[in-house]
Amino acid sequence: MKFNFWPFSRQRRNQPETVLVRARFIRTDALGKGDLRLRSPLCRLGRAPDNDICLDNDSVSSSHAEIYHLPDGAFQICDLNSTNGTWVNGKRIQMQTLNNGDVVELGEVRLHFRTGDA
């Protein structure tokens, strides 16, 4: 099987990719943080400002985790050897497929994963 796009690596570009990815996180640990939309097939989460989703919290590593939108439509999260770990539904993970409604925790930051228009 040949894929047109390999989801596990990308070269960082100055311009963001314009790909419709219908998924988002709803941040529930802090008021007013709202929806955090995934805007490309590979989305990096962390404290550093060069991440696709920047989370300003000392418990989040500079490069904490990545979300991959796989060719089959599934979403997968991968921990990047973060200090405080990546947790999905209360279990520490290294890599896991995400389902609509899953609760993802990066350090003290709590995110609810939503796909589509849900």
PDB file of N, CA and C in Angstrom:
ATOM      1  N   MET A   1       0.840  -1.169   0.000  1.00  0.00           N
ATOM      2  CA  MET A   1       0.000   0.000   0.000  1.00  0.00           C
ATOM      3  C   MET A   1       0.885   1.232   0.000  1.00  0.00           C
ATOM      4  N   LYS A   2       0.571   2.157  -0.875  1.00  0.00           N
ATOM      5  CA  LYS A   2       1.365   3.371  -0.991  1.00  0.00           C
ATOM      6  C   LYS A   2       0.545   4.558  -0.511  1.00  0.00           C
ATOM      7  N   PHE A   3       1.138   5.373   0.379  1.00  0.00           N
ATOM      8  CA  PHE A   3       0.477   6.569   0.859  1.00  0.00           C
ATOM      9  C   PHE A   3       1.068   7.773   0.156  1.00  0.00           C
ATOM     10  N   ASN A   4       0.208   8.720  -0.191  1.00  0.00           N
ATOM     11  CA  ASN A   4       0.685   9.966  -0.783  1.00  0.00           C
ATOM     12  C   ASN A   4       1.321  10.871   0.262  1.00  0.00           C
ATOM     13  N   PHE A   5       0.985  10.620   1.504  1.00  0.00           N
ATOM     14  CA  PHE A   5       1.503  11.479   2.565  1.00  0.00           C
ATOM     15  C   PHE A   5       1.869  10.594   3.744  1.00  0.00           C
ATOM     16  N   TRP A   6       3.023  10.786   4.299  1.00  0.00           N
ATOM     17  CA  TRP A   6       3.486  10.013   5.441  1.00  0.00           C
ATOM     18  C   TRP A   6       3.230  10.840   6.691  1.00  0.00           C
ATOM     19  N   PRO A   7       2.346  10.374   7.602  1.00  0.00           N
ATOM     20  CA  PRO A   7       1.879  11.222   8.693  1.00  0.00           C
ATOM     21  C   PRO A   7       2.838  11.388   9.860  1.00  0.00           C
ATOM     22  N   PHE A   8       3.960  10.710   9.883  1.00  0.00           N
ATOM     23  CA  PHE A   8       4.784  10.719  11.082  1.00  0.00           C
ATOM     24  C   PHE A   8       5.974  11.658  11.032  1.00  0.00           C
ATOM     25  N   SER A   9       6.043  12.472  10.023  1.00  0.00           N
ATOM     26  CA  SER A   9       7.109  13.474   9.997  1.00  0.00           C
ATOM     27  C   SER A   9       6.731  14.555   9.001  1.00  0.00           C
ATOM     28  N   ARG A  10       7.214  15.733   9.242  1.00  0.00           N
ATOM     29  CA  ARG A  10       7.053  16.806   8.272  1.00  0.00           C
ATOM     30  C   ARG A  10       8.143  17.820   8.522  1.00  0.00           C
ATOM     31  N   GLN A  11       8.497  18.492   7.474  1.00  0.00           N
ATOM     32  CA  GLN A  11       9.449  19.564   7.630  1.00  0.00           C
ATOM     33  C   GLN A  11       8.669  20.804   8.014  1.00  0.00           C
ATOM     34  N   ARG A  12       9.165  21.531   9.007  1.00  0.00           N
ATOM     35  CA  ARG A  12       8.488  22.743   9.439  1.00  0.00           C
ATOM     36  C   ARG A  12       8.629  23.794   8.358  1.00  0.00           C
ATOM     37  N   ARG A  13       7.518  24.424   8.045  1.00  0.00           N
ATOM     38  CA  ARG A  13       7.505  25.471   7.033  1.00  0.00           C
ATOM     39  C   ARG A  13       7.097  26.778   7.685  1.00  0.00           C
ATOM     40  N   ASN A  14       7.430  27.862   7.014  1.00  0.00           N
ATOM     41  CA  ASN A  14       7.011  29.163   7.514  1.00  0.00           C
ATOM     42  C   ASN A  14       5.517  29.362   7.341  1.00  0.00           C
ATOM     43  N   GLN A  15       4.938  28.834   6.250  1.00  0.00           N
ATOM     44  CA  GLN A  15       3.516  28.956   5.996  1.00  0.00           C
ATOM     45  C   GLN A  15       2.790  27.706   6.475  1.00  0.00           C
ATOM     46  N   PRO A  16       1.701  27.844   7.216  1.00  0.00           N
ATOM     47  CA  PRO A  16       0.952  26.667   7.649  1.00  0.00           C
ATOM     48  C   PRO A  16       0.275  25.991   6.463  1.00  0.00           C
ATOM     49  N   GLU A  17       0.122  24.678   6.545  1.00  0.00           N
ATOM     50  CA  GLU A  17      -0.556  23.939   5.503  1.00  0.00           C
ATOM     51  C   GLU A  17      -2.033  24.287   5.545  1.00  0.00           C
ATOM     52  N   THR A  18      -2.668  24.333   4.383  1.00  0.00           N
ATOM     53  CA  THR A  18      -4.088  24.631   4.329  1.00  0.00           C
ATOM     54  C   THR A  18      -4.836  23.351   3.994  1.00  0.00           C
ATOM     55  N   VAL A  19      -5.079  22.554   4.999  1.00  0.00           N
ATOM     56  CA  VAL A  19      -5.782  21.287   4.865  1.00  0.00           C
ATOM     57  C   VAL A  19      -6.961  21.328   5.820  1.00  0.00           C
ATOM     58  N   LEU A  20      -8.130  20.917   5.328  1.00  0.00           N
ATOM     59  CA  LEU A  20      -9.294  20.897   6.191  1.00  0.00           C
ATOM     60  C   LEU A  20      -9.229  19.691   7.111  1.00  0.00           C
ATOM     61  N   VAL A  21      -9.026  19.940   8.387  1.00  0.00           N
ATOM     62  CA  VAL A  21      -9.008  18.894   9.404  1.00  0.00           C
ATOM     63  C   VAL A  21     -10.149  19.227  10.357  1.00  0.00           C
ATOM     64  N   ARG A  22     -11.132  18.365  10.405  1.00  0.00           N
ATOM     65  CA  ARG A  22     -12.319  18.642  11.202  1.00  0.00           C
ATOM     66  C   ARG A  22     -12.174  18.022  12.585  1.00  0.00           C
ATOM     67  N   ALA A  23     -11.330  18.628  13.385  1.00  0.00           N
ATOM     68  CA  ALA A  23     -11.136  18.174  14.764  1.00  0.00           C
ATOM     69  C   ALA A  23     -10.697  19.371  15.598  1.00  0.00           C
ATOM     70  N   ARG A  24     -10.974  19.267  16.888  1.00  0.00           N
ATOM     71  CA  ARG A  24     -10.617  20.371  17.784  1.00  0.00           C
ATOM     72  C   ARG A  24     -10.498  19.845  19.213  1.00  0.00           C
ATOM     73  N   PHE A  25      -9.868  20.645  20.024  1.00  0.00           N
ATOM     74  CA  PHE A  25      -9.831  20.413  21.460  1.00  0.00           C
ATOM     75  C   PHE A  25     -10.637  21.522  22.121  1.00  0.00           C
ATOM     76  N   ILE A  26     -11.342  21.181  23.166  1.00  0.00           N
ATOM     77  CA  ILE A  26     -12.002  22.173  24.006  1.00  0.00           C
ATOM     78  C   ILE A  26     -11.243  22.169  25.325  1.00  0.00           C
ATOM     79  N   ARG A  27     -10.621  23.290  25.643  1.00  0.00           N
ATOM     80  CA  ARG A  27      -9.825  23.374  26.869  1.00  0.00           C
ATOM     81  C   ARG A  27     -10.744  23.664  28.049  1.00  0.00           C
ATOM     82  N   THR A  28     -10.702  22.793  29.047  1.00  0.00           N
ATOM     83  CA  THR A  28     -11.621  22.927  30.179  1.00  0.00           C
ATOM     84  C   THR A  28     -10.925  23.226  31.506  1.00  0.00           C
ATOM     85  N   ASP A  29      -9.611  23.338  31.509  1.00  0.00           N
ATOM     86  CA  ASP A  29      -8.906  23.612  32.768  1.00  0.00           C
ATOM     87  C   ASP A  29      -8.789  25.103  33.053  1.00  0.00           C
ATOM     88  N   ALA A  30      -9.088  25.940  32.076  1.00  0.00           N
ATOM     89  CA  ALA A  30      -8.973  27.385  32.269  1.00  0.00           C
ATOM     90  C   ALA A  30     -10.106  28.080  31.510  1.00  0.00           C
ATOM     91  N   LEU A  31     -10.732  29.040  32.141  1.00  0.00           N
ATOM     92  CA  LEU A  31     -11.832  29.759  31.519  1.00  0.00           C
ATOM     93  C   LEU A  31     -11.343  30.633  30.371  1.00  0.00           C
ATOM     94  N   GLY A  32     -12.149  30.724  29.337  1.00  0.00           N
ATOM     95  CA  GLY A  32     -11.857  31.632  28.239  1.00  0.00           C
ATOM     96  C   GLY A  32     -10.837  31.143  27.228  1.00  0.00           C
ATOM     97  N   LYS A  33     -10.388  29.899  27.333  1.00  0.00           N
ATOM     98  CA  LYS A  33      -9.388  29.387  26.390  1.00  0.00           C
ATOM     99  C   LYS A  33     -10.044  28.864  25.118  1.00  0.00           C
ATOM    100  N   GLY A  34     -11.325  28.445  25.185  1.00  0.00           N
ATOM    101  CA  GLY A  34     -12.127  28.112  24.016  1.00  0.00           C
ATOM    102  C   GLY A  34     -11.647  26.928  23.200  1.00  0.00           C
ATOM    103  N   ASP A  35     -12.052  26.944  21.933  1.00  0.00           N
ATOM    104  CA  ASP A  35     -11.726  25.879  20.990  1.00  0.00           C
ATOM    105  C   ASP A  35     -10.311  26.030  20.464  1.00  0.00           C
ATOM    106  N   LEU A  36      -9.626  24.913  20.375  1.00  0.00           N
ATOM    107  CA  LEU A  36      -8.287  24.858  19.791  1.00  0.00           C
ATOM    108  C   LEU A  36      -8.389  23.932  18.587  1.00  0.00           C
ATOM    109  N   ARG A  37      -8.445  24.491  17.397  1.00  0.00           N
ATOM    110  CA  ARG A  37      -8.668  23.703  16.179  1.00  0.00           C
ATOM    111  C   ARG A  37      -7.366  23.151  15.627  1.00  0.00           C
ATOM    112  N   LEU A  38      -7.442  21.893  15.176  1.00  0.00           N
ATOM    113  CA  LEU A  38      -6.317  21.277  14.480  1.00  0.00           C
ATOM    114  C   LEU A  38      -6.386  21.752  13.037  1.00  0.00           C
ATOM    115  N   ARG A  39      -5.300  22.325  12.544  1.00  0.00           N
ATOM    116  CA  ARG A  39      -5.323  22.962  11.229  1.00  0.00           C
ATOM    117  C   ARG A  39      -4.467  22.273  10.179  1.00  0.00           C
ATOM    118  N   SER A  40      -3.838  21.155  10.549  1.00  0.00           N
ATOM    119  CA  SER A  40      -3.012  20.433   9.576  1.00  0.00           C
ATOM    120  C   SER A  40      -2.968  18.960   9.964  1.00  0.00           C
ATOM    121  N   PRO A  41      -2.547  18.094   9.052  1.00  0.00           N
ATOM    122  CA  PRO A  41      -2.500  16.653   9.340  1.00  0.00           C
ATOM    123  C   PRO A  41      -1.527  16.276  10.455  1.00  0.00           C
ATOM    124  N   LEU A  42      -0.581  17.144  10.758  1.00  0.00           N
ATOM    125  CA  LEU A  42       0.322  16.946  11.890  1.00  0.00           C
ATOM    126  C   LEU A  42       0.275  18.211  12.719  1.00  0.00           C
ATOM    127  N   CYS A  43      -0.131  18.079  13.951  1.00  0.00           N
ATOM    128  CA  CYS A  43      -0.291  19.227  14.822  1.00  0.00           C
ATOM    129  C   CYS A  43       0.522  18.995  16.092  1.00  0.00           C
ATOM    130  N   ARG A  44       1.482  19.862  16.358  1.00  0.00           N
ATOM    131  CA  ARG A  44       2.331  19.740  17.544  1.00  0.00           C
ATOM    132  C   ARG A  44       1.770  20.610  18.662  1.00  0.00           C
ATOM    133  N   LEU A  45       1.733  20.028  19.879  1.00  0.00           N
ATOM    134  CA  LEU A  45       1.240  20.718  21.055  1.00  0.00           C
ATOM    135  C   LEU A  45       2.381  20.876  22.047  1.00  0.00           C
ATOM    136  N   GLY A  46       2.473  22.034  22.663  1.00  0.00           N
ATOM    137  CA  GLY A  46       3.508  22.255  23.658  1.00  0.00           C
ATOM    138  C   GLY A  46       3.519  23.689  24.139  1.00  0.00           C
ATOM    139  N   ARG A  47       4.467  23.992  25.012  1.00  0.00           N
ATOM    140  CA  ARG A  47       4.589  25.320  25.611  1.00  0.00           C
ATOM    141  C   ARG A  47       5.336  26.301  24.714  1.00  0.00           C
ATOM    142  N   ALA A  48       6.241  25.827  23.880  1.00  0.00           N
ATOM    143  CA  ALA A  48       7.047  26.712  23.030  1.00  0.00           C
ATOM    144  C   ALA A  48       6.162  27.406  21.983  1.00  0.00           C
ATOM    145  N   PRO A  49       6.492  28.653  21.651  1.00  0.00           N
ATOM    146  CA  PRO A  49       5.647  29.417  20.723  1.00  0.00           C
ATOM    147  C   PRO A  49       5.633  28.882  19.289  1.00  0.00           C
ATOM    148  N   ASP A  50       6.571  28.019  18.914  1.00  0.00           N
ATOM    149  CA  ASP A  50       6.583  27.499  17.543  1.00  0.00           C
ATOM    150  C   ASP A  50       5.683  26.271  17.354  1.00  0.00           C
ATOM    151  N   ASN A  51       4.954  25.851  18.393  1.00  0.00           N
ATOM    152  CA  ASN A  51       4.018  24.739  18.264  1.00  0.00           C
ATOM    153  C   ASN A  51       2.770  25.193  17.522  1.00  0.00           C
ATOM    154  N   ASP A  52       2.070  24.232  16.920  1.00  0.00           N
ATOM    155  CA  ASP A  52       0.813  24.548  16.247  1.00  0.00           C
ATOM    156  C   ASP A  52      -0.246  24.978  17.263  1.00  0.00           C
ATOM    157  N   ILE A  53      -0.270  24.309  18.412  1.00  0.00           N
ATOM    158  CA  ILE A  53      -1.133  24.705  19.524  1.00  0.00           C
ATOM    159  C   ILE A  53      -0.226  24.959  20.717  1.00  0.00           C
ATOM    160  N   CYS A  54      -0.128  26.222  21.104  1.00  0.00           N
ATOM    161  CA  CYS A  54       0.753  26.630  22.196  1.00  0.00           C
ATOM    162  C   CYS A  54      -0.058  26.707  23.490  1.00  0.00           C
ATOM    163  N   LEU A  55       0.396  25.987  24.509  1.00  0.00           N
ATOM    164  CA  LEU A  55      -0.286  25.918  25.804  1.00  0.00           C
ATOM    165  C   LEU A  55       0.618  26.560  26.849  1.00  0.00           C
ATOM    166  N   ASP A  56       0.245  27.732  27.295  1.00  0.00           N
ATOM    167  CA  ASP A  56       1.054  28.502  28.241  1.00  0.00           C
ATOM    168  C   ASP A  56       0.806  27.999  29.664  1.00  0.00           C
ATOM    169  N   ASN A  57       1.540  26.924  30.014  1.00  0.00           N
ATOM    170  CA  ASN A  57       1.425  26.328  31.350  1.00  0.00           C
ATOM    171  C   ASN A  57       2.753  25.642  31.641  1.00  0.00           C
ATOM    172  N   ASP A  58       3.316  25.897  32.813  1.00  0.00           N
ATOM    173  CA  ASP A  58       4.635  25.346  33.160  1.00  0.00           C
ATOM    174  C   ASP A  58       4.661  23.826  33.248  1.00  0.00           C
ATOM    175  N   SER A  59       3.514  23.169  33.398  1.00  0.00           N
ATOM    176  CA  SER A  59       3.484  21.707  33.479  1.00  0.00           C
ATOM    177  C   SER A  59       3.529  21.045  32.099  1.00  0.00           C
ATOM    178  N   VAL A  60       3.429  21.857  31.036  1.00  0.00           N
ATOM    179  CA  VAL A  60       3.481  21.362  29.661  1.00  0.00           C
ATOM    180  C   VAL A  60       4.907  21.512  29.148  1.00  0.00           C
ATOM    181  N   SER A  61       5.444  20.456  28.545  1.00  0.00           N
ATOM    182  CA  SER A  61       6.798  20.506  27.991  1.00  0.00           C
ATOM    183  C   SER A  61       6.839  21.398  26.746  1.00  0.00           C
ATOM    184  N   SER A  62       8.028  21.849  26.393  1.00  0.00           N
ATOM    185  CA  SER A  62       8.185  22.712  25.220  1.00  0.00           C
ATOM    186  C   SER A  62       7.587  22.076  23.968  1.00  0.00           C
ATOM    187  N   SER A  63       7.929  20.828  23.717  1.00  0.00           N
ATOM    188  CA  SER A  63       7.323  20.031  22.652  1.00  0.00           C
ATOM    189  C   SER A  63       6.741  18.805  23.347  1.00  0.00           C
ATOM    190  N   HIS A  64       5.461  18.829  23.626  1.00  0.00           N
ATOM    191  CA  HIS A  64       4.849  17.838  24.503  1.00  0.00           C
ATOM    192  C   HIS A  64       4.290  16.631  23.751  1.00  0.00           C
ATOM    193  N   ALA A  65       3.499  16.880  22.709  1.00  0.00           N
ATOM    194  CA  ALA A  65       2.831  15.786  21.994  1.00  0.00           C
ATOM    195  C   ALA A  65       2.530  16.208  20.564  1.00  0.00           C
ATOM    196  N   GLU A  66       2.209  15.220  19.736  1.00  0.00           N
ATOM    197  CA  GLU A  66       1.786  15.475  18.368  1.00  0.00           C
ATOM    198  C   GLU A  66       0.501  14.705  18.092  1.00  0.00           C
ATOM    199  N   ILE A  67      -0.360  15.308  17.285  1.00  0.00           N
ATOM    200  CA  ILE A  67      -1.588  14.665  16.825  1.00  0.00           C
ATOM    201  C   ILE A  67      -1.432  14.433  15.333  1.00  0.00           C
ATOM    202  N   TYR A  68      -1.660  13.208  14.908  1.00  0.00           N
ATOM    203  CA  TYR A  68      -1.576  12.848  13.496  1.00  0.00           C
ATOM    204  C   TYR A  68      -2.976  12.566  12.972  1.00  0.00           C
ATOM    205  N   HIS A  69      -3.330  13.183  11.845  1.00  0.00           N
ATOM    206  CA  HIS A  69      -4.570  12.842  11.148  1.00  0.00           C
ATOM    207  C   HIS A  69      -4.174  11.829  10.086  1.00  0.00           C
ATOM    208  N   LEU A  70      -4.477  10.576  10.339  1.00  0.00           N
ATOM    209  CA  LEU A  70      -4.039   9.475   9.495  1.00  0.00           C
ATOM    210  C   LEU A  70      -4.853   9.407   8.202  1.00  0.00           C
ATOM    211  N   PRO A  71      -4.300   8.795   7.155  1.00  0.00           N
ATOM    212  CA  PRO A  71      -5.012   8.705   5.866  1.00  0.00           C
ATOM    213  C   PRO A  71      -6.375   8.022   5.959  1.00  0.00           C
ATOM    214  N   ASP A  72      -6.560   7.142   6.935  1.00  0.00           N
ATOM    215  CA  ASP A  72      -7.859   6.468   7.075  1.00  0.00           C
ATOM    216  C   ASP A  72      -8.883   7.327   7.820  1.00  0.00           C
ATOM    217  N   GLY A  73      -8.512   8.551   8.205  1.00  0.00           N
ATOM    218  CA  GLY A  73      -9.423   9.461   8.883  1.00  0.00           C
ATOM    219  C   GLY A  73      -9.309   9.459  10.393  1.00  0.00           C
ATOM    220  N   ALA A  74      -8.590   8.503  10.948  1.00  0.00           N
ATOM    221  CA  ALA A  74      -8.414   8.431  12.405  1.00  0.00           C
ATOM    222  C   ALA A  74      -7.410   9.492  12.874  1.00  0.00           C
ATOM    223  N   PHE A  75      -7.470   9.785  14.169  1.00  0.00           N
ATOM    224  CA  PHE A  75      -6.520  10.706  14.787  1.00  0.00           C
ATOM    225  C   PHE A  75      -5.727   9.935  15.826  1.00  0.00           C
ATOM    226  N   GLN A  76      -4.416  10.186  15.852  1.00  0.00           N
ATOM    227  CA  GLN A  76      -3.541   9.495  16.788  1.00  0.00           C
ATOM    228  C   GLN A  76      -2.706  10.524  17.524  1.00  0.00           C
ATOM    229  N   ILE A  77      -2.565  10.344  18.837  1.00  0.00           N
ATOM    230  CA  ILE A  77      -1.724  11.228  19.643  1.00  0.00           C
ATOM    231  C   ILE A  77      -0.474  10.478  20.051  1.00  0.00           C
ATOM    232  N   CYS A  78       0.652  11.176  20.065  1.00  0.00           N
ATOM    233  CA  CYS A  78       1.933  10.575  20.419  1.00  0.00           C
ATOM    234  C   CYS A  78       2.652  11.511  21.389  1.00  0.00           C
ATOM    235  N   ASP A  79       3.042  10.991  22.537  1.00  0.00           N
ATOM    236  CA  ASP A  79       3.817  11.755  23.512  1.00  0.00           C
ATOM    237  C   ASP A  79       5.245  11.915  22.993  1.00  0.00           C
ATOM    238  N   LEU A  80       5.832  13.075  23.183  1.00  0.00           N
ATOM    239  CA  LEU A  80       7.196  13.356  22.720  1.00  0.00           C
ATOM    240  C   LEU A  80       8.178  13.333  23.882  1.00  0.00           C
ATOM    241  N   ASN A  81       8.101  12.283  24.695  1.00  0.00           N
ATOM    242  CA  ASN A  81       8.965  12.129  25.876  1.00  0.00           C
ATOM    243  C   ASN A  81       8.861  13.331  26.806  1.00  0.00           C
ATOM    244  N   SER A  82       7.629  13.760  27.034  1.00  0.00           N
ATOM    245  CA  SER A  82       7.379  14.915  27.888  1.00  0.00           C
ATOM    246  C   SER A  82       7.668  14.574  29.353  1.00  0.00           C
ATOM    247  N   THR A  83       7.935  15.594  30.132  1.00  0.00           N
ATOM    248  CA  THR A  83       8.249  15.413  31.546  1.00  0.00           C
ATOM    249  C   THR A  83       7.049  14.884  32.328  1.00  0.00           C
ATOM    250  N   ASN A  84       5.887  15.494  32.150  1.00  0.00           N
ATOM    251  CA  ASN A  84       4.703  15.130  32.926  1.00  0.00           C
ATOM    252  C   ASN A  84       3.772  14.158  32.216  1.00  0.00           C
ATOM    253  N   GLY A  85       4.128  13.739  31.029  1.00  0.00           N
ATOM    254  CA  GLY A  85       3.358  12.720  30.330  1.00  0.00           C
ATOM    255  C   GLY A  85       2.127  13.227  29.614  1.00  0.00           C
ATOM    256  N   THR A  86       1.614  12.354  28.765  1.00  0.00           N
ATOM    257  CA  THR A  86       0.362  12.583  28.054  1.00  0.00           C
ATOM    258  C   THR A  86      -0.610  11.517  28.521  1.00  0.00           C
ATOM    259  N   TRP A  87      -1.795  11.942  28.904  1.00  0.00           N
ATOM    260  CA  TRP A  87      -2.797  11.055  29.479  1.00  0.00           C
ATOM    261  C   TRP A  87      -4.050  11.122  28.626  1.00  0.00           C
ATOM    262  N   VAL A  88      -4.653   9.965  28.354  1.00  0.00           N
ATOM    263  CA  VAL A  88      -5.926   9.897  27.640  1.00  0.00           C
ATOM    264  C   VAL A  88      -6.894   9.114  28.512  1.00  0.00           C
ATOM    265  N   ASN A  89      -7.985   9.761  28.875  1.00  0.00           N
ATOM    266  CA  ASN A  89      -9.007   9.150  29.730  1.00  0.00           C
ATOM    267  C   ASN A  89      -8.410   8.553  31.010  1.00  0.00           C
ATOM    268  N   GLY A  90      -7.450   9.276  31.597  1.00  0.00           N
ATOM    269  CA  GLY A  90      -6.870   8.877  32.874  1.00  0.00           C
ATOM    270  C   GLY A  90      -5.737   7.868  32.800  1.00  0.00           C
ATOM    271  N   LYS A  91      -5.321   7.459  31.599  1.00  0.00           N
ATOM    272  CA  LYS A  91      -4.218   6.504  31.450  1.00  0.00           C
ATOM    273  C   LYS A  91      -3.057   7.158  30.714  1.00  0.00           C
ATOM    274  N   ARG A  92      -1.859   6.975  31.265  1.00  0.00           N
ATOM    275  CA  ARG A  92      -0.673   7.532  30.617  1.00  0.00           C
ATOM    276  C   ARG A  92      -0.385   6.729  29.350  1.00  0.00           C
ATOM    277  N   ILE A  93      -0.116   7.446  28.270  1.00  0.00           N
ATOM    278  CA  ILE A  93       0.094   6.781  26.981  1.00  0.00           C
ATOM    279  C   ILE A  93       1.396   7.257  26.334  1.00  0.00           C
ATOM    280  N   GLN A  94       1.891   6.468  25.421  1.00  0.00           N
ATOM    281  CA  GLN A  94       2.967   6.897  24.523  1.00  0.00           C
ATOM    282  C   GLN A  94       2.380   7.227  23.156  1.00  0.00           C
ATOM    283  N   MET A  95       1.421   6.369  22.715  1.00  0.00           N
ATOM    284  CA  MET A  95       0.755   6.573  21.443  1.00  0.00           C
ATOM    285  C   MET A  95      -0.626   5.927  21.537  1.00  0.00           C
ATOM    286  N   GLN A  96      -1.649   6.626  21.044  1.00  0.00           N
ATOM    287  CA  GLN A  96      -2.992   6.072  21.105  1.00  0.00           C
ATOM    288  C   GLN A  96      -3.896   6.762  20.086  1.00  0.00           C
ATOM    289  N   THR A  97      -4.826   6.005  19.546  1.00  0.00           N
ATOM    290  CA  THR A  97      -5.853   6.560  18.674  1.00  0.00           C
ATOM    291  C   THR A  97      -6.858   7.317  19.538  1.00  0.00           C
ATOM    292  N   LEU A  98      -7.254   8.505  19.073  1.00  0.00           N
ATOM    293  CA  LEU A  98      -8.222   9.313  19.800  1.00  0.00           C
ATOM    294  C   LEU A  98      -9.622   9.099  19.245  1.00  0.00           C
ATOM    295  N   ASN A  99     -10.593   9.089  20.129  1.00  0.00           N
ATOM    296  CA  ASN A  99     -11.996   8.989  19.754  1.00  0.00           C
ATOM    297  C   ASN A  99     -12.714  10.258  20.185  1.00  0.00           C
ATOM    298  N   ASN A 100     -13.798  10.578  19.492  1.00  0.00           N
ATOM    299  CA  ASN A 100     -14.596  11.740  19.846  1.00  0.00           C
ATOM    300  C   ASN A 100     -14.998  11.650  21.321  1.00  0.00           C
ATOM    301  N   GLY A 101     -14.722  12.707  22.077  1.00  0.00           N
ATOM    302  CA  GLY A 101     -15.076  12.749  23.491  1.00  0.00           C
ATOM    303  C   GLY A 101     -13.965  12.363  24.442  1.00  0.00           C
ATOM    304  N   ASP A 102     -12.833  11.878  23.924  1.00  0.00           N
ATOM    305  CA  ASP A 102     -11.720  11.525  24.799  1.00  0.00           C
ATOM    306  C   ASP A 102     -11.215  12.760  25.549  1.00  0.00           C
ATOM    307  N   VAL A 103     -10.757  12.541  26.778  1.00  0.00           N
ATOM    308  CA  VAL A 103     -10.165  13.606  27.586  1.00  0.00           C
ATOM    309  C   VAL A 103      -8.652  13.422  27.551  1.00  0.00           C
ATOM    310  N   VAL A 104      -7.948  14.439  27.072  1.00  0.00           N
ATOM    311  CA  VAL A 104      -6.493  14.412  26.950  1.00  0.00           C
ATOM    312  C   VAL A 104      -5.927  15.388  27.966  1.00  0.00           C
ATOM    313  N   GLU A 105      -4.932  14.931  28.725  1.00  0.00           N
ATOM    314  CA  GLU A 105      -4.272  15.793  29.690  1.00  0.00           C
ATOM    315  C   GLU A 105      -2.784  15.876  29.363  1.00  0.00           C
ATOM    316  N   LEU A 106      -2.303  17.090  29.259  1.00  0.00           N
ATOM    317  CA  LEU A 106      -0.883  17.377  29.063  1.00  0.00           C
ATOM    318  C   LEU A 106      -0.448  18.146  30.297  1.00  0.00           C
ATOM    319  N   GLY A 107       0.203  17.473  31.227  1.00  0.00           N
ATOM    320  CA  GLY A 107       0.502  18.102  32.509  1.00  0.00           C
ATOM    321  C   GLY A 107      -0.809  18.468  33.189  1.00  0.00           C
ATOM    322  N   GLU A 108      -0.969  19.749  33.551  1.00  0.00           N
ATOM    323  CA  GLU A 108      -2.183  20.226  34.216  1.00  0.00           C
ATOM    324  C   GLU A 108      -3.261  20.683  33.241  1.00  0.00           C
ATOM    325  N   VAL A 109      -2.965  20.656  31.951  1.00  0.00           N
ATOM    326  CA  VAL A 109      -3.909  21.141  30.935  1.00  0.00           C
ATOM    327  C   VAL A 109      -4.849  20.014  30.539  1.00  0.00           C
ATOM    328  N   ARG A 110      -6.141  20.279  30.615  1.00  0.00           N
ATOM    329  CA  ARG A 110      -7.163  19.265  30.266  1.00  0.00           C
ATOM    330  C   ARG A 110      -7.890  19.714  28.990  1.00  0.00           C
ATOM    331  N   LEU A 111      -7.905  18.794  28.018  1.00  0.00           N
ATOM    332  CA  LEU A 111      -8.512  19.058  26.716  1.00  0.00           C
ATOM    333  C   LEU A 111      -9.516  17.953  26.387  1.00  0.00           C
ATOM    334  N   HIS A 112     -10.670  18.337  25.868  1.00  0.00           N
ATOM    335  CA  HIS A 112     -11.665  17.373  25.402  1.00  0.00           C
ATOM    336  C   HIS A 112     -11.579  17.342  23.887  1.00  0.00           C
ATOM    337  N   PHE A 113     -11.382  16.143  23.319  1.00  0.00           N
ATOM    338  CA  PHE A 113     -11.209  15.976  21.877  1.00  0.00           C
ATOM    339  C   PHE A 113     -12.567  15.836  21.199  1.00  0.00           C
ATOM    340  N   ARG A 114     -12.769  16.602  20.126  1.00  0.00           N
ATOM    341  CA  ARG A 114     -14.008  16.543  19.364  1.00  0.00           C
ATOM    342  C   ARG A 114     -13.673  16.441  17.868  1.00  0.00           C
ATOM    343  N   THR A 115     -14.398  15.585  17.173  1.00  0.00           N
ATOM    344  CA  THR A 115     -14.232  15.455  15.722  1.00  0.00           C
ATOM    345  C   THR A 115     -15.495  15.942  15.028  1.00  0.00           C
ATOM    346  N   GLY A 116     -15.351  16.298  13.774  1.00  0.00           N
ATOM    347  CA  GLY A 116     -16.487  16.761  12.996  1.00  0.00           C
ATOM    348  C   GLY A 116     -17.048  18.048  13.569  1.00  0.00           C
ATOM    349  N   ASP A 117     -18.372  18.170  13.483  1.00  0.00           N
ATOM    350  CA  ASP A 117     -19.051  19.356  14.005  1.00  0.00           C
ATOM    351  C   ASP A 117     -19.576  19.155  15.408  1.00  0.00           C
ATOM    352  N   ALA A 118     -19.176  18.030  16.037  1.00  0.00           N
ATOM    353  CA  ALA A 118     -19.699  17.711  17.390  1.00  0.00           C
ATOM    354  C   ALA A 118     -19.155  18.656  18.429  1.00  0.00           C
TER     355      ALA A 118
END
